[in-house]
Amino acid sequence: MISNHATDVECCESFQIIVENSAPISCSVGANVLEALERAGHKGIPVGCRRGGCGICRVKIIAGDVLRKRMSRAKVSFAEEKQNYALACCIYPRSDLTVKPAPRPLDDQ
């Protein structure tokens, strides 16, 4: 289940993030997915502005719970969010998480 609300995660120090077909990466509670991937040197998700505006780090959430922060609706619409699309810089794991890179909307490319 993908959540838009914070949940009680105090019992855990970190979560595992898997970018589809890659080894798991540890993500500390309170860090966003993009930060964790960058710290681990993972190159599977491109990096842009790191603030939810450019859409470069767009992903599809395959499994896991996340807290979503504010992101550009031009990059991830409400309908796309319901289909589990997000920007890696704007999602915070609330459980182990599996994501895959997602193409940006056609008008961006």
Protein backbone atom coordinates (compact mmCIF):
# COMPACT_ATOMS: atom_id res chain seq x y z
CA MET A 1 0.00 0.00 0.00
CA ILE A 2 1.30 3.44 -0.89
CA SER A 3 0.46 6.08 1.66
CA ASN A 4 0.48 9.84 1.59
CA HIS A 5 0.57 10.05 5.36
CA ALA A 6 3.37 9.66 7.86
CA THR A 7 3.21 6.46 9.86
CA ASP A 8 4.97 5.29 12.99
CA VAL A 9 8.44 4.31 11.78
CA GLU A 10 10.41 4.98 14.95
CA CYS A 11 11.11 1.26 15.40
CA CYS A 12 13.23 1.14 12.27
CA GLU A 13 16.56 2.82 11.61
CA SER A 14 16.48 2.33 7.85
CA PHE A 15 14.63 0.77 4.94
CA GLN A 16 15.86 -1.08 1.88
CA ILE A 17 15.33 0.52 -1.52
CA ILE A 18 15.57 -1.59 -4.63
CA VAL A 19 15.74 0.07 -8.02
CA GLU A 20 14.32 -2.65 -10.23
CA ASN A 21 16.95 -5.32 -11.00
CA SER A 22 19.57 -3.78 -8.67
CA ALA A 23 20.99 -4.65 -5.27
CA PRO A 24 19.19 -3.18 -2.23
CA ILE A 25 20.34 0.19 -0.89
CA SER A 26 19.83 1.33 2.68
CA CYS A 27 17.78 4.49 3.26
CA SER A 28 17.80 6.13 6.69
CA VAL A 29 14.48 7.15 8.19
CA GLY A 30 13.99 10.80 7.24
CA ALA A 31 15.97 10.65 3.98
CA ASN A 32 14.28 10.79 0.61
CA VAL A 33 14.82 8.08 -1.98
CA LEU A 34 17.04 10.22 -4.22
CA GLU A 35 19.33 11.17 -1.31
CA ALA A 36 19.77 7.51 -0.38
CA LEU A 37 20.55 6.50 -3.97
CA GLU A 38 23.06 9.34 -4.37
CA ARG A 39 24.82 8.50 -1.08
CA ALA A 40 25.17 4.88 -2.24
CA GLY A 41 26.57 5.96 -5.62
CA HIS A 42 23.63 4.40 -7.49
CA LYS A 43 23.29 5.78 -11.02
CA GLY A 44 19.96 4.14 -12.02
CA ILE A 45 17.81 7.23 -11.34
CA PRO A 46 18.91 10.51 -12.95
CA VAL A 47 19.38 13.57 -10.71
CA GLY A 48 18.08 17.05 -11.45
CA CYS A 49 17.01 19.92 -9.21
CA ARG A 50 16.43 17.77 -6.07
CA ARG A 51 13.36 19.89 -5.17
CA GLY A 52 10.44 18.33 -7.07
CA GLY A 53 10.35 20.79 -9.94
CA CYS A 54 12.25 19.33 -12.88
CA GLY A 55 10.88 15.78 -13.10
CA ILE A 56 14.26 14.22 -13.97
CA CYS A 57 14.08 11.71 -11.06
CA ARG A 58 10.61 10.42 -11.97
CA VAL A 59 9.97 6.84 -10.81
CA LYS A 60 7.17 4.32 -10.61
CA ILE A 61 6.69 2.76 -7.19
CA ILE A 62 6.36 -1.00 -7.62
CA ALA A 63 6.06 -1.97 -3.94
CA GLY A 64 6.22 -0.32 -0.55
CA ASP A 65 4.82 2.56 1.46
CA VAL A 66 5.99 6.16 1.07
CA LEU A 67 5.33 9.61 2.42
CA ARG A 68 4.95 12.00 -0.50
CA LYS A 69 6.07 15.60 -0.25
CA ARG A 70 5.09 18.43 -2.58
CA MET A 71 6.10 17.94 -6.25
CA SER A 72 5.31 19.67 -9.53
CA ARG A 73 1.94 18.58 -10.92
CA ALA A 74 3.34 19.28 -14.38
CA LYS A 75 5.74 16.38 -13.76
CA VAL A 76 3.42 14.02 -11.83
CA SER A 77 -0.31 14.65 -12.19
CA PHE A 78 -2.88 13.51 -9.62
CA ALA A 79 -3.91 10.72 -12.01
CA GLU A 80 -0.28 9.60 -12.39
CA GLU A 81 0.20 9.70 -8.63
CA LYS A 82 -2.72 7.30 -8.27
CA GLN A 83 -0.85 5.01 -10.71
CA ASN A 84 2.15 5.12 -8.32
CA TYR A 85 4.33 7.63 -10.19
CA ALA A 86 6.40 10.05 -8.10
CA LEU A 87 9.63 12.03 -8.05
CA ALA A 88 12.39 10.23 -6.11
CA CYS A 89 13.43 13.50 -4.46
CA CYS A 90 9.93 13.90 -2.99
CA ILE A 91 9.23 10.45 -1.56
CA TYR A 92 10.33 9.14 1.82
CA PRO A 93 10.17 5.38 2.49
CA ARG A 94 7.89 4.13 5.25
CA SER A 95 8.77 0.49 4.46
CA ASP A 96 11.14 -1.38 2.18
CA LEU A 97 10.59 -0.01 -1.32
CA THR A 98 10.95 -1.12 -4.93
CA VAL A 99 10.96 1.50 -7.69
CA LYS A 100 11.84 1.69 -11.35
CA PRO A 101 12.86 4.67 -13.49
CA ALA A 102 9.91 6.18 -15.33
CA PRO A 103 9.93 8.33 -18.44
CA ARG A 104 9.07 11.97 -18.10
CA PRO A 105 5.85 13.18 -19.75
CA LEU A 106 6.14 13.55 -23.52
CA ASP A 107 5.97 17.35 -23.40
CA ASP A 108 9.21 17.35 -21.33
CA GLN A 109 11.32 15.24 -23.67
